[in-house]
Amino acid sequence: MIIMVHIQNFLNSNQRTLNKTFSYYIMHITVAMVVAYFVTGNLWMAITLSLLEPTIQAFAFFFHEKIWNKKDLKAADPIQSTKV
């Protein structure tokens, strides 16, 4: 039960970033599939290649976005930005 509460809190506090990550993931898979198809001429190879790299990239994007959000929060907090 406690784990579910943590998962729900995580989802609630990261909703915008998760939505952006999913949107980016779909766009990235589509672009990767088109490029892979033009390079290989093989639909199955294009699908396989397009799922691997964007999946890893989506996880990287999520954490990249989290880092930028922290940076934005620090910049918006005048007390934090004056600390040495």
PDB file of N, CA and C in Angstrom:
ATOM      1  N   MET A   1       0.822  -1.201   0.000  1.00  0.00           N
ATOM      2  CA  MET A   1       0.000   0.000   0.000  1.00  0.00           C
ATOM      3  C   MET A   1       0.865   1.263   0.000  1.00  0.00           C
ATOM      4  N   ILE A   2       1.933   1.270   0.782  1.00  0.00           N
ATOM      5  CA  ILE A   2       2.810   2.431   0.849  1.00  0.00           C
ATOM      6  C   ILE A   2       3.490   2.668  -0.500  1.00  0.00           C
ATOM      7  N   ILE A   3       3.853   1.586  -1.171  1.00  0.00           N
ATOM      8  CA  ILE A   3       4.493   1.717  -2.481  1.00  0.00           C
ATOM      9  C   ILE A   3       3.546   2.393  -3.466  1.00  0.00           C
ATOM     10  N   MET A   4       2.277   2.020  -3.438  1.00  0.00           N
ATOM     11  CA  MET A   4       1.295   2.621  -4.345  1.00  0.00           C
ATOM     12  C   MET A   4       1.144   4.119  -4.070  1.00  0.00           C
ATOM     13  N   VAL A   5       1.216   4.512  -2.802  1.00  0.00           N
ATOM     14  CA  VAL A   5       1.123   5.929  -2.451  1.00  0.00           C
ATOM     15  C   VAL A   5       2.315   6.683  -3.027  1.00  0.00           C
ATOM     16  N   HIS A   6       3.505   6.092  -2.908  1.00  0.00           N
ATOM     17  CA  HIS A   6       4.708   6.724  -3.467  1.00  0.00           C
ATOM     18  C   HIS A   6       4.612   6.838  -4.989  1.00  0.00           C
ATOM     19  N   ILE A   7       4.122   5.791  -5.626  1.00  0.00           N
ATOM     20  CA  ILE A   7       3.963   5.817  -7.086  1.00  0.00           C
ATOM     21  C   ILE A   7       2.963   6.904  -7.481  1.00  0.00           C
ATOM     22  N   GLN A   8       1.842   6.975  -6.772  1.00  0.00           N
ATOM     23  CA  GLN A   8       0.823   7.984  -7.075  1.00  0.00           C
ATOM     24  C   GLN A   8       1.376   9.391  -6.858  1.00  0.00           C
ATOM     25  N   ASN A   9       2.121   9.599  -5.771  1.00  0.00           N
ATOM     26  CA  ASN A   9       2.733  10.908  -5.523  1.00  0.00           C
ATOM     27  C   ASN A   9       3.727  11.265  -6.620  1.00  0.00           C
ATOM     28  N   PHE A  10       4.516  10.275  -7.049  1.00  0.00           N
ATOM     29  CA  PHE A  10       5.478  10.497  -8.124  1.00  0.00           C
ATOM     30  C   PHE A  10       4.763  10.910  -9.404  1.00  0.00           C
ATOM     31  N   LEU A  11       3.702  10.187  -9.757  1.00  0.00           N
ATOM     32  CA  LEU A  11       2.947  10.500 -10.975  1.00  0.00           C
ATOM     33  C   LEU A  11       2.306  11.884 -10.894  1.00  0.00           C
ATOM     34  N   ASN A  12       1.742  12.205  -9.734  1.00  0.00           N
ATOM     35  CA  ASN A  12       1.098  13.508  -9.572  1.00  0.00           C
ATOM     36  C   ASN A  12       2.102  14.653  -9.646  1.00  0.00           C
ATOM     37  N   SER A  13       3.246  14.485  -9.019  1.00  0.00           N
ATOM     38  CA  SER A  13       4.214  15.578  -8.983  1.00  0.00           C
ATOM     39  C   SER A  13       5.008  15.711 -10.281  1.00  0.00           C
ATOM     40  N   ASN A  14       4.944  14.717 -11.151  1.00  0.00           N
ATOM     41  CA  ASN A  14       5.699  14.749 -12.407  1.00  0.00           C
ATOM     42  C   ASN A  14       4.805  14.677 -13.639  1.00  0.00           C
ATOM     43  N   GLN A  15       3.528  15.000 -13.502  1.00  0.00           N
ATOM     44  CA  GLN A  15       2.568  14.824 -14.590  1.00  0.00           C
ATOM     45  C   GLN A  15       2.974  15.569 -15.858  1.00  0.00           C
ATOM     46  N   ARG A  16       3.345  16.831 -15.734  1.00  0.00           N
ATOM     47  CA  ARG A  16       3.700  17.623 -16.919  1.00  0.00           C
ATOM     48  C   ARG A  16       4.935  17.046 -17.606  1.00  0.00           C
ATOM     49  N   THR A  17       5.947  16.713 -16.838  1.00  0.00           N
ATOM     50  CA  THR A  17       7.176  16.163 -17.408  1.00  0.00           C
ATOM     51  C   THR A  17       6.914  14.806 -18.052  1.00  0.00           C
ATOM     52  N   LEU A  18       6.099  13.978 -17.427  1.00  0.00           N
ATOM     53  CA  LEU A  18       5.764  12.677 -18.011  1.00  0.00           C
ATOM     54  C   LEU A  18       4.987  12.844 -19.320  1.00  0.00           C
ATOM     55  N   ASN A  19       4.063  13.789 -19.368  1.00  0.00           N
ATOM     56  CA  ASN A  19       3.313  14.048 -20.605  1.00  0.00           C
ATOM     57  C   ASN A  19       4.239  14.530 -21.715  1.00  0.00           C
ATOM     58  N   LYS A  20       5.154  15.434 -21.378  1.00  0.00           N
ATOM     59  CA  LYS A  20       6.109  15.918 -22.376  1.00  0.00           C
ATOM     60  C   LYS A  20       7.022  14.787 -22.836  1.00  0.00           C
ATOM     61  N   THR A  21       7.431  13.936 -21.910  1.00  0.00           N
ATOM     62  CA  THR A  21       8.297  12.808 -22.246  1.00  0.00           C
ATOM     63  C   THR A  21       7.579  11.865 -23.208  1.00  0.00           C
ATOM     64  N   PHE A  22       6.308  11.564 -22.941  1.00  0.00           N
ATOM     65  CA  PHE A  22       5.543  10.670 -23.807  1.00  0.00           C
ATOM     66  C   PHE A  22       5.360  11.285 -25.199  1.00  0.00           C
ATOM     67  N   SER A  23       5.053  12.573 -25.246  1.00  0.00           N
ATOM     68  CA  SER A  23       4.886  13.269 -26.515  1.00  0.00           C
ATOM     69  C   SER A  23       6.189  13.233 -27.317  1.00  0.00           C
ATOM     70  N   TYR A  24       7.285  13.509 -26.655  1.00  0.00           N
ATOM     71  CA  TYR A  24       8.604  13.470 -27.297  1.00  0.00           C
ATOM     72  C   TYR A  24       8.913  12.062 -27.794  1.00  0.00           C
ATOM     73  N   TYR A  25       8.565  11.061 -26.996  1.00  0.00           N
ATOM     74  CA  TYR A  25       8.811   9.656 -27.342  1.00  0.00           C
ATOM     75  C   TYR A  25       8.087   9.277 -28.637  1.00  0.00           C
ATOM     76  N   ILE A  26       6.820   9.642 -28.738  1.00  0.00           N
ATOM     77  CA  ILE A  26       6.032   9.328 -29.941  1.00  0.00           C
ATOM     78  C   ILE A  26       6.630  10.017 -31.165  1.00  0.00           C
ATOM     79  N   MET A  27       6.978  11.305 -31.015  1.00  0.00           N
ATOM     80  CA  MET A  27       7.569  12.032 -32.134  1.00  0.00           C
ATOM     81  C   MET A  27       8.906  11.400 -32.536  1.00  0.00           C
ATOM     82  N   HIS A  28       9.712  11.056 -31.558  1.00  0.00           N
ATOM     83  CA  HIS A  28      11.037  10.496 -31.832  1.00  0.00           C
ATOM     84  C   HIS A  28      10.928   9.131 -32.526  1.00  0.00           C
ATOM     85  N   ILE A  29      10.013   8.290 -32.082  1.00  0.00           N
ATOM     86  CA  ILE A  29       9.825   6.983 -32.719  1.00  0.00           C
ATOM     87  C   ILE A  29       9.404   7.154 -34.181  1.00  0.00           C
ATOM     88  N   THR A  30       8.514   8.090 -34.425  1.00  0.00           N
ATOM     89  CA  THR A  30       8.035   8.322 -35.785  1.00  0.00           C
ATOM     90  C   THR A  30       9.174   8.767 -36.700  1.00  0.00           C
ATOM     91  N   VAL A  31       9.949   9.738 -36.252  1.00  0.00           N
ATOM     92  CA  VAL A  31      11.073  10.226 -37.051  1.00  0.00           C
ATOM     93  C   VAL A  31      12.099   9.115 -37.256  1.00  0.00           C
ATOM     94  N   ALA A  32      12.427   8.393 -36.178  1.00  0.00           N
ATOM     95  CA  ALA A  32      13.415   7.320 -36.270  1.00  0.00           C
ATOM     96  C   ALA A  32      12.955   6.224 -37.232  1.00  0.00           C
ATOM     97  N   MET A  33      11.668   5.908 -37.230  1.00  0.00           N
ATOM     98  CA  MET A  33      11.162   4.861 -38.113  1.00  0.00           C
ATOM     99  C   MET A  33      11.255   5.287 -39.579  1.00  0.00           C
ATOM    100  N   VAL A  34      10.913   6.516 -39.856  1.00  0.00           N
ATOM    101  CA  VAL A  34      10.981   7.006 -41.234  1.00  0.00           C
ATOM    102  C   VAL A  34      12.436   7.001 -41.721  1.00  0.00           C
ATOM    103  N   VAL A  35      13.338   7.515 -40.905  1.00  0.00           N
ATOM    104  CA  VAL A  35      14.754   7.545 -41.287  1.00  0.00           C
ATOM    105  C   VAL A  35      15.293   6.127 -41.464  1.00  0.00           C
ATOM    106  N   ALA A  36      14.997   5.235 -40.517  1.00  0.00           N
ATOM    107  CA  ALA A  36      15.483   3.853 -40.604  1.00  0.00           C
ATOM    108  C   ALA A  36      14.926   3.147 -41.832  1.00  0.00           C
ATOM    109  N   TYR A  37      13.690   3.441 -42.180  1.00  0.00           N
ATOM    110  CA  TYR A  37      13.108   2.815 -43.367  1.00  0.00           C
ATOM    111  C   TYR A  37      13.818   3.292 -44.639  1.00  0.00           C
ATOM    112  N   PHE A  38      14.080   4.597 -44.716  1.00  0.00           N
ATOM    113  CA  PHE A  38      14.778   5.110 -45.898  1.00  0.00           C
ATOM    114  C   PHE A  38      16.197   4.584 -45.995  1.00  0.00           C
ATOM    115  N   VAL A  39      16.835   4.354 -44.860  1.00  0.00           N
ATOM    116  CA  VAL A  39      18.209   3.838 -44.861  1.00  0.00           C
ATOM    117  C   VAL A  39      18.243   2.350 -45.195  1.00  0.00           C
ATOM    118  N   THR A  40      17.329   1.570 -44.592  1.00  0.00           N
ATOM    119  CA  THR A  40      17.376   0.111 -44.750  1.00  0.00           C
ATOM    120  C   THR A  40      16.459  -0.417 -45.846  1.00  0.00           C
ATOM    121  N   GLY A  41      15.350   0.274 -46.100  1.00  0.00           N
ATOM    122  CA  GLY A  41      14.365  -0.223 -47.054  1.00  0.00           C
ATOM    123  C   GLY A  41      13.575  -1.402 -46.512  1.00  0.00           C
ATOM    124  N   ASN A  42      13.727  -1.694 -45.224  1.00  0.00           N
ATOM    125  CA  ASN A  42      13.080  -2.836 -44.592  1.00  0.00           C
ATOM    126  C   ASN A  42      12.203  -2.332 -43.448  1.00  0.00           C
ATOM    127  N   LEU A  43      10.888  -2.556 -43.562  1.00  0.00           N
ATOM    128  CA  LEU A  43       9.956  -2.050 -42.561  1.00  0.00           C
ATOM    129  C   LEU A  43      10.210  -2.656 -41.182  1.00  0.00           C
ATOM    130  N   TRP A  44      10.414  -3.968 -41.094  1.00  0.00           N
ATOM    131  CA  TRP A  44      10.630  -4.617 -39.781  1.00  0.00           C
ATOM    132  C   TRP A  44      11.909  -4.125 -39.115  1.00  0.00           C
ATOM    133  N   MET A  45      12.965  -3.945 -39.891  1.00  0.00           N
ATOM    134  CA  MET A  45      14.210  -3.413 -39.334  1.00  0.00           C
ATOM    135  C   MET A  45      13.998  -1.972 -38.872  1.00  0.00           C
ATOM    136  N   ALA A  46      13.245  -1.199 -39.646  1.00  0.00           N
ATOM    137  CA  ALA A  46      12.965   0.189 -39.280  1.00  0.00           C
ATOM    138  C   ALA A  46      12.181   0.263 -37.972  1.00  0.00           C
ATOM    139  N   ILE A  47      11.198  -0.605 -37.808  1.00  0.00           N
ATOM    140  CA  ILE A  47      10.409  -0.621 -36.571  1.00  0.00           C
ATOM    141  C   ILE A  47      11.294  -0.998 -35.389  1.00  0.00           C
ATOM    142  N   THR A  48      12.113  -2.026 -35.559  1.00  0.00           N
ATOM    143  CA  THR A  48      12.996  -2.469 -34.481  1.00  0.00           C
ATOM    144  C   THR A  48      13.969  -1.368 -34.073  1.00  0.00           C
ATOM    145  N   LEU A  49      14.629  -0.773 -35.051  1.00  0.00           N
ATOM    146  CA  LEU A  49      15.583   0.296 -34.754  1.00  0.00           C
ATOM    147  C   LEU A  49      14.891   1.505 -34.131  1.00  0.00           C
ATOM    148  N   SER A  50      13.695   1.811 -34.597  1.00  0.00           N
ATOM    149  CA  SER A  50      13.006   3.003 -34.106  1.00  0.00           C
ATOM    150  C   SER A  50      12.505   2.841 -32.673  1.00  0.00           C
ATOM    151  N   LEU A  51      12.381   1.628 -32.194  1.00  0.00           N
ATOM    152  CA  LEU A  51      11.929   1.428 -30.811  1.00  0.00           C
ATOM    153  C   LEU A  51      13.082   1.441 -29.805  1.00  0.00           C
ATOM    154  N   LEU A  52      14.247   1.022 -30.209  1.00  0.00           N
ATOM    155  CA  LEU A  52      15.375   0.905 -29.285  1.00  0.00           C
ATOM    156  C   LEU A  52      15.912   2.262 -28.839  1.00  0.00           C
ATOM    157  N   GLU A  53      16.423   3.039 -29.751  1.00  0.00           N
ATOM    158  CA  GLU A  53      17.073   4.303 -29.396  1.00  0.00           C
ATOM    159  C   GLU A  53      16.110   5.315 -28.775  1.00  0.00           C
ATOM    160  N   PRO A  54      14.928   5.548 -29.337  1.00  0.00           N
ATOM    161  CA  PRO A  54      14.015   6.510 -28.709  1.00  0.00           C
ATOM    162  C   PRO A  54      13.553   6.100 -27.315  1.00  0.00           C
ATOM    163  N   THR A  55      13.456   4.811 -27.046  1.00  0.00           N
ATOM    164  CA  THR A  55      13.064   4.380 -25.704  1.00  0.00           C
ATOM    165  C   THR A  55      14.113   4.810 -24.690  1.00  0.00           C
ATOM    166  N   ILE A  56      15.369   4.586 -25.007  1.00  0.00           N
ATOM    167  CA  ILE A  56      16.453   5.014 -24.124  1.00  0.00           C
ATOM    168  C   ILE A  56      16.477   6.545 -24.048  1.00  0.00           C
ATOM    169  N   GLN A  57      16.285   7.188 -25.179  1.00  0.00           N
ATOM    170  CA  GLN A  57      16.293   8.649 -25.226  1.00  0.00           C
ATOM    171  C   GLN A  57      15.160   9.250 -24.392  1.00  0.00           C
ATOM    172  N   ALA A  58      14.003   8.609 -24.345  1.00  0.00           N
ATOM    173  CA  ALA A  58      12.876   9.120 -23.555  1.00  0.00           C
ATOM    174  C   ALA A  58      13.217   9.143 -22.074  1.00  0.00           C
ATOM    175  N   PHE A  59      13.876   8.100 -21.592  1.00  0.00           N
ATOM    176  CA  PHE A  59      14.307   8.094 -20.196  1.00  0.00           C
ATOM    177  C   PHE A  59      15.314   9.205 -19.941  1.00  0.00           C
ATOM    178  N   ALA A  60      16.243   9.390 -20.858  1.00  0.00           N
ATOM    179  CA  ALA A  60      17.236  10.459 -20.719  1.00  0.00           C
ATOM    180  C   ALA A  60      16.550  11.825 -20.729  1.00  0.00           C
ATOM    181  N   PHE A  61      15.553  12.009 -21.595  1.00  0.00           N
ATOM    182  CA  PHE A  61      14.827  13.275 -21.664  1.00  0.00           C
ATOM    183  C   PHE A  61      14.120  13.570 -20.345  1.00  0.00           C
ATOM    184  N   PHE A  62      13.512  12.565 -19.744  1.00  0.00           N
ATOM    185  CA  PHE A  62      12.797  12.762 -18.481  1.00  0.00           C
ATOM    186  C   PHE A  62      13.742  13.348 -17.435  1.00  0.00           C
ATOM    187  N   PHE A  63      14.918  12.751 -17.280  1.00  0.00           N
ATOM    188  CA  PHE A  63      15.858  13.219 -16.268  1.00  0.00           C
ATOM    189  C   PHE A  63      16.477  14.565 -16.671  1.00  0.00           C
ATOM    190  N   HIS A  64      16.679  14.778 -17.948  1.00  0.00           N
ATOM    191  CA  HIS A  64      17.157  16.067 -18.446  1.00  0.00           C
ATOM    192  C   HIS A  64      16.160  17.168 -18.078  1.00  0.00           C
ATOM    193  N   GLU A  65      14.888  16.903 -18.283  1.00  0.00           N
ATOM    194  CA  GLU A  65      13.832  17.862 -17.956  1.00  0.00           C
ATOM    195  C   GLU A  65      13.783  18.137 -16.460  1.00  0.00           C
ATOM    196  N   LYS A  66      13.962  17.106 -15.644  1.00  0.00           N
ATOM    197  CA  LYS A  66      13.961  17.278 -14.186  1.00  0.00           C
ATOM    198  C   LYS A  66      15.101  18.199 -13.762  1.00  0.00           C
ATOM    199  N   ILE A  67      16.276  18.040 -14.352  1.00  0.00           N
ATOM    200  CA  ILE A  67      17.424  18.889 -14.027  1.00  0.00           C
ATOM    201  C   ILE A  67      17.123  20.343 -14.398  1.00  0.00           C
ATOM    202  N   TRP A  68      16.547  20.554 -15.576  1.00  0.00           N
ATOM    203  CA  TRP A  68      16.215  21.913 -15.987  1.00  0.00           C
ATOM    204  C   TRP A  68      15.135  22.519 -15.097  1.00  0.00           C
ATOM    205  N   ASN A  69      14.177  21.721 -14.660  1.00  0.00           N
ATOM    206  CA  ASN A  69      13.142  22.236 -13.751  1.00  0.00           C
ATOM    207  C   ASN A  69      13.761  22.703 -12.444  1.00  0.00           C
ATOM    208  N   LYS A  70      14.709  21.948 -11.906  1.00  0.00           N
ATOM    209  CA  LYS A  70      15.388  22.360 -10.672  1.00  0.00           C
ATOM    210  C   LYS A  70      16.152  23.654 -10.895  1.00  0.00           C
ATOM    211  N   LYS A  71      16.802  23.776 -12.035  1.00  0.00           N
ATOM    212  CA  LYS A  71      17.543  24.991 -12.375  1.00  0.00           C
ATOM    213  C   LYS A  71      16.591  26.185 -12.437  1.00  0.00           C
ATOM    214  N   ASP A  72      15.431  26.011 -13.064  1.00  0.00           N
ATOM    215  CA  ASP A  72      14.447  27.087 -13.165  1.00  0.00           C
ATOM    216  C   ASP A  72      13.928  27.498 -11.788  1.00  0.00           C
ATOM    217  N   LEU A  73      13.687  26.518 -10.917  1.00  0.00           N
ATOM    218  CA  LEU A  73      13.218  26.828  -9.569  1.00  0.00           C
ATOM    219  C   LEU A  73      14.255  27.613  -8.786  1.00  0.00           C
ATOM    220  N   LYS A  74      15.517  27.231  -8.911  1.00  0.00           N
ATOM    221  CA  LYS A  74      16.584  27.969  -8.220  1.00  0.00           C
ATOM    222  C   LYS A  74      16.692  29.388  -8.749  1.00  0.00           C
ATOM    223  N   ALA A  75      16.562  29.571 -10.056  1.00  0.00           N
ATOM    224  CA  ALA A  75      16.653  30.903 -10.651  1.00  0.00           C
ATOM    225  C   ALA A  75      15.486  31.784 -10.224  1.00  0.00           C
ATOM    226  N   ALA A  76      14.330  31.188  -9.986  1.00  0.00           N
ATOM    227  CA  ALA A  76      13.146  31.941  -9.589  1.00  0.00           C
ATOM    228  C   ALA A  76      13.144  32.293  -8.105  1.00  0.00           C
ATOM    229  N   ASP A  77      13.979  31.643  -7.327  1.00  0.00           N
ATOM    230  CA  ASP A  77      14.041  31.868  -5.878  1.00  0.00           C
ATOM    231  C   ASP A  77      15.211  32.806  -5.573  1.00  0.00           C
ATOM    232  N   PRO A  78      14.934  34.073  -5.290  1.00  0.00           N
ATOM    233  CA  PRO A  78      16.023  35.028  -5.074  1.00  0.00           C
ATOM    234  C   PRO A  78      16.905  34.676  -3.872  1.00  0.00           C
ATOM    235  N   ILE A  79      16.352  34.017  -2.882  1.00  0.00           N
ATOM    236  CA  ILE A  79      17.147  33.626  -1.704  1.00  0.00           C
ATOM    237  C   ILE A  79      18.155  32.565  -2.100  1.00  0.00           C
ATOM    238  N   GLN A  80      17.730  31.554  -2.878  1.00  0.00           N
ATOM    239  CA  GLN A  80      18.634  30.499  -3.323  1.00  0.00           C
ATOM    240  C   GLN A  80      19.706  31.034  -4.245  1.00  0.00           C
ATOM    241  N   SER A  81      19.359  31.958  -5.144  1.00  0.00           N
ATOM    242  CA  SER A  81      20.319  32.437  -6.128  1.00  0.00           C
ATOM    243  C   SER A  81      21.390  33.330  -5.520  1.00  0.00           C
ATOM    244  N   THR A  82      21.138  33.867  -4.307  1.00  0.00           N
ATOM    245  CA  THR A  82      22.161  34.696  -3.665  1.00  0.00           C
ATOM    246  C   THR A  82      23.071  33.908  -2.750  1.00  0.00           C
ATOM    247  N   LYS A  83      22.741  32.660  -2.464  1.00  0.00           N
ATOM    248  CA  LYS A  83      23.584  31.817  -1.609  1.00  0.00           C
ATOM    249  C   LYS A  83      24.834  31.433  -2.363  1.00  0.00           C
ATOM    250  N   VAL A  84      25.941  31.378  -1.630  1.00  0.00           N
ATOM    251  CA  VAL A  84      27.223  31.009  -2.247  1.00  0.00           C
ATOM    252  C   VAL A  84      27.536  29.577  -1.981  1.00  0.00           C
TER     253      VAL A  84
END
